[in-house]
Every structure is written in C-alpha cells, then in structure tokens.
C-alpha atoms as a PDB file:
ATOM      1  CA  MET A   1      16.009-135.849  27.391  1.00  0.00           C
ATOM      2  CA  THR A   2      14.833-137.212  30.748  1.00  0.00           C
ATOM      3  CA  THR A   3      11.064-137.473  31.148  1.00  0.00           C
ATOM      4  CA  SER A   4       9.718-136.074  34.399  1.00  0.00           C
ATOM      5  CA  PRO A   5       7.900-138.729  36.455  1.00  0.00           C
ATOM      6  CA  TRP A   6       4.662-136.752  36.784  1.00  0.00           C
ATOM      7  CA  THR A   7       4.064-136.938  33.046  1.00  0.00           C
ATOM      8  CA  ASP A   8       2.928-140.529  33.706  1.00  0.00           C
ATOM      9  CA  TRP A   9       0.865-139.812  36.818  1.00  0.00           C
ATOM     10  CA  ASP A  10      -2.925-139.984  36.661  1.00  0.00           C
ATOM     11  CA  HIS A  11      -3.542-139.611  40.395  1.00  0.00           C
ATOM     12  CA  ILE A  12      -1.885-138.181  43.507  1.00  0.00           C
ATOM     13  CA  VAL A  13      -2.858-138.417  47.169  1.00  0.00           C
ATOM     14  CA  LYS A  14      -1.925-135.318  49.133  1.00  0.00           C
ATOM     15  CA  LEU A  15      -1.424-136.068  52.826  1.00  0.00           C
ATOM     16  CA  ASP A  16      -1.780-133.216  55.304  1.00  0.00           C
ATOM     17  CA  PRO A  17       0.535-133.820  58.283  1.00  0.00           C
ATOM     18  CA  ASP A  18      -1.811-131.804  60.505  1.00  0.00           C
ATOM     19  CA  LYS A  19      -4.706-134.211  59.878  1.00  0.00           C
ATOM     20  CA  THR A  20      -5.363-137.793  60.887  1.00  0.00           C
ATOM     21  CA  LEU A  21      -6.264-140.669  58.603  1.00  0.00           C
ATOM     22  CA  ALA A  22      -9.739-142.175  58.614  1.00  0.00           C
ATOM     23  CA  GLU A  23     -10.421-144.306  61.679  1.00  0.00           C
ATOM     24  CA  GLY A  24      -8.627-147.640  61.640  1.00  0.00           C
ATOM     25  CA  GLU A  25      -6.597-146.909  58.504  1.00  0.00           C
ATOM     26  CA  THR A  26      -2.843-146.752  58.078  1.00  0.00           C
ATOM     27  CA  PHE A  27      -0.352-145.174  55.700  1.00  0.00           C
ATOM     28  CA  GLU A  28       0.171-148.635  54.246  1.00  0.00           C
ATOM     29  CA  ASP A  29      -3.522-148.675  53.330  1.00  0.00           C
ATOM     30  CA  VAL A  30      -3.109-145.313  51.575  1.00  0.00           C
ATOM     31  CA  CYS A  31      -0.083-146.562  49.649  1.00  0.00           C
ATOM     32  CA  GLU A  32      -2.053-149.595  48.441  1.00  0.00           C
ATOM     33  CA  THR A  33      -4.840-147.553  46.821  1.00  0.00           C
ATOM     34  CA  GLY A  34      -3.087-147.568  43.450  1.00  0.00           C
ATOM     35  CA  THR A  35      -2.271-143.869  43.499  1.00  0.00           C
ATOM     36  CA  ASP A  36       0.755-142.869  41.427  1.00  0.00           C
ATOM     37  CA  ALA A  37       2.406-140.641  44.027  1.00  0.00           C
ATOM     38  CA  LEU A  38       2.124-139.087  47.462  1.00  0.00           C
ATOM     39  CA  GLU A  39       2.554-135.400  48.211  1.00  0.00           C
ATOM     40  CA  ILE A  40       3.199-134.460  51.827  1.00  0.00           C
ATOM     41  CA  GLY A  41       2.036-130.927  52.536  1.00  0.00           C
ATOM     42  CA  GLY A  42      -0.528-128.627  54.066  1.00  0.00           C
ATOM     43  CA  THR A  43      -1.362-124.975  54.537  1.00  0.00           C
ATOM     44  CA  LEU A  44      -1.832-124.385  58.253  1.00  0.00           C
ATOM     45  CA  ASP A  45       0.154-125.380  61.348  1.00  0.00           C
ATOM     46  CA  MET A  46       2.942-127.084  59.437  1.00  0.00           C
ATOM     47  CA  THR A  47       6.194-128.031  61.184  1.00  0.00           C
ATOM     48  CA  GLN A  48       9.217-130.070  60.187  1.00  0.00           C
ATOM     49  CA  GLU A  49       8.333-132.598  62.872  1.00  0.00           C
ATOM     50  CA  LYS A  50       4.845-133.190  61.478  1.00  0.00           C
ATOM     51  CA  MET A  51       6.212-133.458  57.958  1.00  0.00           C
ATOM     52  CA  GLN A  52       8.934-135.885  59.057  1.00  0.00           C
ATOM     53  CA  ARG A  53       6.440-138.135  60.832  1.00  0.00           C
ATOM     54  CA  VAL A  54       4.417-138.679  57.657  1.00  0.00           C
ATOM     55  CA  ILE A  55       7.509-139.016  55.452  1.00  0.00           C
ATOM     56  CA  ASP A  56       8.896-141.704  57.768  1.00  0.00           C
ATOM     57  CA  ALA A  57       5.566-143.546  57.791  1.00  0.00           C
ATOM     58  CA  CYS A  58       5.288-143.610  53.988  1.00  0.00           C
ATOM     59  CA  ALA A  59       8.928-144.095  52.995  1.00  0.00           C
ATOM     60  CA  LYS A  60       8.887-147.872  53.471  1.00  0.00           C
ATOM     61  CA  TYR A  61       6.316-148.349  50.683  1.00  0.00           C
ATOM     62  CA  ASP A  62       6.976-148.382  46.961  1.00  0.00           C
ATOM     63  CA  VAL A  63       5.110-145.198  46.012  1.00  0.00           C
ATOM     64  CA  PRO A  64       6.899-142.025  44.829  1.00  0.00           C
ATOM     65  CA  LEU A  65       7.080-139.616  47.750  1.00  0.00           C
ATOM     66  CA  TYR A  66       7.358-135.833  47.428  1.00  0.00           C
ATOM     67  CA  GLN A  67       7.258-133.009  49.926  1.00  0.00           C
ATOM     68  CA  GLU A  68       5.243-129.902  49.088  1.00  0.00           C
ATOM     69  CA  PRO A  69       6.619-127.353  51.582  1.00  0.00           C
ATOM     70  CA  SER A  70       4.445-124.342  52.341  1.00  0.00           C
ATOM     71  CA  ASN A  71       7.431-122.302  53.532  1.00  0.00           C
ATOM     72  CA  PRO A  72      11.202-122.751  53.962  1.00  0.00           C
ATOM     73  CA  ALA A  73      10.931-123.520  57.682  1.00  0.00           C
ATOM     74  CA  VAL A  74       9.201-126.845  57.076  1.00  0.00           C
ATOM     75  CA  VAL A  75      11.485-128.247  54.366  1.00  0.00           C
ATOM     76  CA  VAL A  76      12.756-131.691  55.382  1.00  0.00           C
ATOM     77  CA  ASP A  77      16.130-132.861  54.086  1.00  0.00           C
ATOM     78  CA  ASP A  78      15.485-136.571  53.706  1.00  0.00           C
ATOM     79  CA  ASP A  79      16.903-139.027  51.178  1.00  0.00           C
ATOM     80  CA  ASP A  80      13.675-141.026  51.379  1.00  0.00           C
ATOM     81  CA  LEU A  81      11.954-138.246  49.453  1.00  0.00           C
ATOM     82  CA  ASP A  82      11.928-138.483  45.679  1.00  0.00           C
ATOM     83  CA  GLY A  83      11.936-134.719  45.531  1.00  0.00           C
ATOM     84  CA  TYR A  84      10.238-131.431  46.328  1.00  0.00           C
ATOM     85  CA  LEU A  85       7.266-129.849  44.567  1.00  0.00           C
ATOM     86  CA  VAL A  86       7.283-126.185  45.541  1.00  0.00           C
ATOM     87  CA  PRO A  87       4.217-123.977  45.036  1.00  0.00           C
ATOM     88  CA  VAL A  88       4.522-120.687  43.172  1.00  0.00           C
ATOM     89  CA  VAL A  89       1.126-118.958  43.390  1.00  0.00           C
ATOM     90  CA  LEU A  90       0.530-117.051  40.161  1.00  0.00           C
ATOM     91  CA  ASN A  91      -2.550-115.176  41.387  1.00  0.00           C
ATOM     92  CA  ALA A  92      -1.272-114.435  44.892  1.00  0.00           C
ATOM     93  CA  GLY A  93      -1.798-110.920  46.191  1.00  0.00           C
ATOM     94  CA  ASP A  94       1.064-111.421  48.638  1.00  0.00           C
ATOM     95  CA  ILE A  95       4.309-111.551  46.682  1.00  0.00           C
ATOM     96  CA  ALA A  96       5.850-113.821  49.329  1.00  0.00           C
ATOM     97  CA  TRP A  97       3.959-116.722  47.763  1.00  0.00           C
ATOM     98  CA  ALA A  98       5.274-115.965  44.289  1.00  0.00           C
ATOM     99  CA  THR A  99       8.943-115.271  45.008  1.00  0.00           C
ATOM    100  CA  GLY A 100       9.451-114.135  48.605  1.00  0.00           C
ATOM    101  CA  PHE A 101       9.583-117.428  50.471  1.00  0.00           C
ATOM    102  CA  HIS A 102      11.525-118.931  47.602  1.00  0.00           C
ATOM    103  CA  LYS A 103      14.189-116.251  47.887  1.00  0.00           C
ATOM    104  CA  GLU A 104      14.486-116.877  51.629  1.00  0.00           C
ATOM    105  CA  TRP A 105      14.842-120.617  51.061  1.00  0.00           C
ATOM    106  CA  VAL A 106      17.681-120.037  48.607  1.00  0.00           C
ATOM    107  CA  LYS A 107      19.363-117.647  51.051  1.00  0.00           C
ATOM    108  CA  SER A 108      19.150-120.029  53.981  1.00  0.00           C
ATOM    109  CA  SER A 109      19.764-123.398  52.303  1.00  0.00           C
ATOM    110  CA  ASP A 110      21.812-125.177  49.716  1.00  0.00           C
ATOM    111  CA  VAL A 111      18.824-126.108  47.557  1.00  0.00           C
ATOM    112  CA  ASN A 112      19.183-129.358  45.644  1.00  0.00           C
ATOM    113  CA  TRP A 113      17.809-128.166  42.309  1.00  0.00           C
ATOM    114  CA  ASP A 114      18.069-131.625  40.759  1.00  0.00           C
ATOM    115  CA  ARG A 115      15.330-132.763  43.151  1.00  0.00           C
ATOM    116  CA  THR A 116      13.256-129.554  43.171  1.00  0.00           C
ATOM    117  CA  THR A 117      10.441-128.553  40.810  1.00  0.00           C
ATOM    118  CA  THR A 118       8.011-125.673  41.140  1.00  0.00           C
ATOM    119  CA  GLU A 119       4.261-125.959  40.660  1.00  0.00           C
ATOM    120  CA  ALA A 120       2.553-122.939  39.105  1.00  0.00           C
ATOM    121  CA  TYR A 121      -0.561-122.677  41.269  1.00  0.00           C
ATOM    122  CA  ILE A 122      -3.782-120.952  40.232  1.00  0.00           C
ATOM    123  CA  ILE A 123      -5.919-120.804  43.388  1.00  0.00           C
ATOM    124  CA  MET A 124      -9.640-120.631  42.644  1.00  0.00           C
ATOM    125  CA  ASN A 125     -11.602-121.058  45.915  1.00  0.00           C
ATOM    126  CA  PRO A 126     -11.843-117.726  47.773  1.00  0.00           C
ATOM    127  CA  ASP A 127     -13.024-119.488  50.940  1.00  0.00           C
ATOM    128  CA  ALA A 128     -10.006-121.787  51.167  1.00  0.00           C
ATOM    129  CA  SER A 129      -7.346-121.268  53.814  1.00  0.00           C
ATOM    130  CA  VAL A 130      -4.694-121.134  51.116  1.00  0.00           C
ATOM    131  CA  ALA A 131      -6.552-118.323  49.331  1.00  0.00           C
ATOM    132  CA  GLU A 132      -6.733-116.277  52.508  1.00  0.00           C
ATOM    133  CA  LEU A 133      -3.126-116.986  53.408  1.00  0.00           C
ATOM    134  CA  THR A 134      -1.813-115.948  49.991  1.00  0.00           C
ATOM    135  CA  SER A 135      -4.334-113.116  49.419  1.00  0.00           C
ATOM    136  CA  ALA A 136      -5.180-114.815  46.138  1.00  0.00           C
ATOM    137  CA  ASP A 137      -7.433-113.150  43.596  1.00  0.00           C
ATOM    138  CA  CYS A 138      -9.783-116.048  42.869  1.00  0.00           C
ATOM    139  CA  ASP A 139     -12.134-114.124  40.600  1.00  0.00           C
ATOM    140  CA  GLN A 140     -10.771-115.749  37.458  1.00  0.00           C
ATOM    141  CA  SER A 141     -12.765-116.737  34.373  1.00  0.00           C
ATOM    142  CA  PRO A 142     -11.834-119.785  32.285  1.00  0.00           C
ATOM    143  CA  GLU A 143     -10.126-117.356  29.904  1.00  0.00           C
ATOM    144  CA  ASP A 144      -8.097-115.952  32.796  1.00  0.00           C
ATOM    145  CA  VAL A 145      -7.107-119.431  33.925  1.00  0.00           C
ATOM    146  CA  ALA A 146      -6.016-120.301  30.397  1.00  0.00           C
ATOM    147  CA  ALA A 147      -3.930-117.137  30.236  1.00  0.00           C
ATOM    148  CA  TYR A 148      -2.263-117.902  33.569  1.00  0.00           C
ATOM    149  CA  ALA A 149      -1.501-121.417  32.340  1.00  0.00           C
ATOM    150  CA  GLU A 150       0.070-120.086  29.171  1.00  0.00           C
ATOM    151  CA  VAL A 151       2.123-117.528  31.105  1.00  0.00           C
ATOM    152  CA  ALA A 152       3.325-120.284  33.418  1.00  0.00           C
ATOM    153  CA  GLU A 153       4.486-122.523  30.596  1.00  0.00           C
ATOM    154  CA  GLN A 154       5.615-120.103  27.910  1.00  0.00           C
ATOM    155  CA  MET A 155       7.005-117.209  29.969  1.00  0.00           C
ATOM    156  CA  TYR A 156       8.171-118.953  33.127  1.00  0.00           C
ATOM    157  CA  GLY A 157       8.984-122.410  31.772  1.00  0.00           C
ATOM    158  CA  GLN A 158       6.907-124.250  34.369  1.00  0.00           C
ATOM    159  CA  GLU A 159       6.632-128.030  34.032  1.00  0.00           C
ATOM    160  CA  ILE A 160       3.546-128.245  36.261  1.00  0.00           C
ATOM    161  CA  VAL A 161       0.453-126.033  36.290  1.00  0.00           C
ATOM    162  CA  TYR A 162      -1.865-126.686  39.235  1.00  0.00           C
ATOM    163  CA  VAL A 163      -5.489-125.502  39.173  1.00  0.00           C
ATOM    164  CA  GLU A 164      -6.415-125.632  42.861  1.00  0.00           C
ATOM    165  CA  TYR A 165      -9.952-125.303  44.200  1.00  0.00           C
ATOM    166  CA  SER A 166      -8.933-126.604  47.658  1.00  0.00           C
ATOM    167  CA  GLY A 167     -12.070-127.758  49.446  1.00  0.00           C
ATOM    168  CA  MET A 168     -14.628-127.186  46.695  1.00  0.00           C
ATOM    169  CA  TYR A 169     -15.354-128.844  43.370  1.00  0.00           C
ATOM    170  CA  GLY A 170     -14.177-126.640  40.570  1.00  0.00           C
ATOM    171  CA  ASP A 171     -15.423-125.481  37.200  1.00  0.00           C
ATOM    172  CA  PRO A 172     -14.649-128.121  34.562  1.00  0.00           C
ATOM    173  CA  ASP A 173     -14.642-125.390  31.922  1.00  0.00           C
ATOM    174  CA  ALA A 174     -11.784-123.606  33.702  1.00  0.00           C
ATOM    175  CA  VAL A 175      -9.784-126.816  33.929  1.00  0.00           C
ATOM    176  CA  GLU A 176     -10.422-127.593  30.271  1.00  0.00           C
ATOM    177  CA  ALA A 177      -9.361-124.074  29.328  1.00  0.00           C
ATOM    178  CA  ALA A 178      -6.071-124.550  31.144  1.00  0.00           C
ATOM    179  CA  ALA A 179      -5.537-127.897  29.423  1.00  0.00           C
ATOM    180  CA  ASP A 180      -6.170-126.369  26.005  1.00  0.00           C
ATOM    181  CA  ALA A 181      -3.660-123.595  26.722  1.00  0.00           C
ATOM    182  CA  LEU A 182      -0.808-125.945  27.577  1.00  0.00           C
ATOM    183  CA  GLU A 183       1.479-127.647  25.106  1.00  0.00           C
ATOM    184  CA  GLU A 184       3.781-129.860  27.172  1.00  0.00           C
ATOM    185  CA  ALA A 185       3.377-128.849  30.823  1.00  0.00           C
ATOM    186  CA  THR A 186       1.528-131.288  33.080  1.00  0.00           C
ATOM    187  CA  LEU A 187      -1.819-130.041  34.377  1.00  0.00           C
ATOM    188  CA  PHE A 188      -2.694-130.926  37.974  1.00  0.00           C
ATOM    189  CA  TYR A 189      -6.217-130.442  39.331  1.00  0.00           C
ATOM    190  CA  GLY A 190      -7.213-130.524  42.991  1.00  0.00           C
ATOM    191  CA  GLY A 191     -10.395-129.707  44.878  1.00  0.00           C
ATOM    192  CA  GLY A 192     -13.646-131.353  45.909  1.00  0.00           C
ATOM    193  CA  ILE A 193     -13.142-134.726  44.254  1.00  0.00           C
ATOM    194  CA  HIS A 194     -15.271-137.096  46.311  1.00  0.00           C
ATOM    195  CA  ASP A 195     -16.319-140.059  44.153  1.00  0.00           C
ATOM    196  CA  TYR A 196     -15.867-141.823  40.814  1.00  0.00           C
ATOM    197  CA  ASP A 197     -17.921-139.363  38.763  1.00  0.00           C
ATOM    198  CA  SER A 198     -16.316-136.194  40.108  1.00  0.00           C
ATOM    199  CA  ALA A 199     -12.891-137.727  39.618  1.00  0.00           C
ATOM    200  CA  ARG A 200     -13.682-138.917  36.083  1.00  0.00           C
ATOM    201  CA  THR A 201     -14.930-135.479  35.038  1.00  0.00           C
ATOM    202  CA  MET A 202     -11.719-133.753  36.071  1.00  0.00           C
ATOM    203  CA  ALA A 203      -9.435-136.577  34.935  1.00  0.00           C
ATOM    204  CA  GLU A 204     -10.886-136.183  31.444  1.00  0.00           C
ATOM    205  CA  ARG A 205      -9.526-132.620  31.469  1.00  0.00           C
ATOM    206  CA  ALA A 206      -6.452-132.533  33.685  1.00  0.00           C
ATOM    207  CA  ASP A 207      -3.439-134.791  33.268  1.00  0.00           C
ATOM    208  CA  THR A 208      -3.346-135.587  36.975  1.00  0.00           C
ATOM    209  CA  ILE A 209      -6.020-135.341  39.665  1.00  0.00           C
ATOM    210  CA  ILE A 210      -5.213-134.853  43.331  1.00  0.00           C
ATOM    211  CA  VAL A 211      -7.260-135.902  46.339  1.00  0.00           C
ATOM    212  CA  GLY A 212      -6.507-134.649  49.819  1.00  0.00           C
ATOM    213  CA  ASP A 213      -9.465-134.188  52.159  1.00  0.00           C
ATOM    214  CA  LEU A 214     -10.976-137.395  50.802  1.00  0.00           C
ATOM    215  CA  VAL A 215      -8.292-139.639  52.267  1.00  0.00           C
ATOM    216  CA  HIS A 216      -8.591-137.992  55.685  1.00  0.00           C
ATOM    217  CA  ASP A 217     -12.395-137.723  55.784  1.00  0.00           C
ATOM    218  CA  GLU A 218     -13.687-140.749  53.857  1.00  0.00           C
ATOM    219  CA  GLY A 219     -10.769-143.153  53.700  1.00  0.00           C
ATOM    220  CA  VAL A 220      -9.012-145.435  51.278  1.00  0.00           C
ATOM    221  CA  GLU A 221     -12.035-147.084  49.645  1.00  0.00           C
ATOM    222  CA  ALA A 222     -13.198-143.671  48.459  1.00  0.00           C
ATOM    223  CA  VAL A 223      -9.691-142.933  47.247  1.00  0.00           C
ATOM    224  CA  ARG A 224      -9.603-146.192  45.270  1.00  0.00           C
ATOM    225  CA  GLU A 225     -12.744-145.107  43.419  1.00  0.00           C
ATOM    226  CA  THR A 226     -10.991-141.933  42.294  1.00  0.00           C
ATOM    227  CA  VAL A 227      -7.891-143.862  41.226  1.00  0.00           C
ATOM    228  CA  GLU A 228     -10.105-146.111  39.093  1.00  0.00           C
ATOM    229  CA  ALA A 229     -11.807-143.068  37.580  1.00  0.00           C
ATOM    230  CA  ALA A 230      -8.487-141.443  36.681  1.00  0.00           C
ATOM    231  CA  GLN A 231      -7.238-144.630  35.064  1.00  0.00           C
ATOM    232  CA  ASP A 232     -10.482-145.115  33.146  1.00  0.00           C
ATOM    233  CA  ALA A 233     -10.379-141.539  31.870  1.00  0.00           C
ATOM    234  CA  LYS A 234      -6.869-141.973  30.552  1.00  0.00           C
ATOM    235  CA  ALA A 235      -7.668-145.351  28.992  1.00  0.00           C
ATOM    236  CA  ALA A 236     -10.599-143.813  27.139  1.00  0.00           C
ATOM    237  CA  ALA A 237      -8.699-140.735  25.945  1.00  0.00           C
ATOM    238  CA  PRO A 238      -7.755-140.656  22.263  1.00  0.00           C
ATOM    239  CA  GLU A 239      -4.076-141.189  21.588  1.00  0.00           C
ATOM    240  CA  SER A 240      -2.266-137.951  20.791  1.00  0.00           C
ATOM    241  CA  VAL A 241      -0.682-137.780  17.386  1.00  0.00           C
END
C-alpha cells in the first residue's frame, strides 16, 4: 500500500496568489524555510494566471508543490505540480462547496484522480472570507468537530481532515477532539499561527500545521520559527504502538 506524502508532513506554507510576499523576500526564501510542502490557493480574486505565476516561481525548488483550487475555473494543468488538494467543506451552508463545484469540475475536465485528493474542511471562524463565501455554520463545539472528523473519515473515506480557523487562532480543545476522533486520516490545522508557541500548541494536536498569512505579513524568519515548533512537537511526541 502506497503511503500518502502528507502523512510525513509536519508543516505546510499556504501561498495566496492574490497577496505579495514580505518586502525583499522571494519564493526561494520561502522554499528554504524547512517547510514540508507548499499549497497554492486562496479564497478571493483567484485566477488561473495568478495561480500559474506562483506555481512557476516555486516549481524550480525541491519542495512538494500542490494546488488548492477554490473552484474549477482556477485549476491549473501543470506537470510541475505534485498534485491537487481540493476542499470539501463539511459545514458549508452552500452545497456548491460540498459537491457542486466538484460536479462541475468533473463535467468540464478530465480529472486526473491519481493526482487529486480532497480535504474535508471544517471551517470555524465566522468572520473569515471563506466562512462567508461558503455560508459555513461555524458554531461548532469540540464535540461537533470530533463528529465531523469521524464522519469525514469513516463515512466519506477522507484521507485529510482540515480544521480551518482562517485568520484567527483556534480552540486547541476542538483540534484535540478532532485528533482523538481520527484513526488514520491526517489532521491539518490552519489559522492564527504567528510564533513558536502558537505553532507548538497546535502541532502537539494536529498532524500538520499550516501557515498562510504569516508568510505574507511577517516573512520567512517567522515561518522558520513555526517549522521548528512543528518539528519539536513531533520529536517530543510519544511513539505510537
């Protein structure tokens, strides 16, 4: 059985093609932070051209590179990509974000399923653009989050569950509840990670932490701190039996 690459990832940098990097920094700098992978994606004002620009800039470096398309119109067919991580929003009020856009993508394209994996999103910040866009019900207790995680893995066979606070630091108890509910799926966490301590707290609960705004707002030195925290958390974790 082939092991999915993200089972070994501690840290991901998510690059938003609609945002600039910190002043004076380059995509090479981002790729040298020690992060395990790059995700190219964003919520608002996405185009294929913007996506392609960032893919081209990062492809020359030896870091796994994935596109996270927000809708079928921005999917880039590029051999430099290692694959596609496609959001499926479990708590979306608008069904388009659960199955609608996915259906349209299948209708309009010859999807390469060998390179495509869905991410079961649980969106938790009601003030985030992605929550508004998807009409997400973010009023979820840790018990609710755990139940969504279990549904994702056991009913829908999802390999990745993504607890997303997008722009705010989340509730560690909710992340821990999701982790406890999962057996083999990889748990991603994103939202509000801004330094070593915030990264360490979430990396002790999630399998993989994701930073996005940090790379654009604070730069690569701040990102390196979070990479170190994720690695330290995994090194200190007890070995599973």
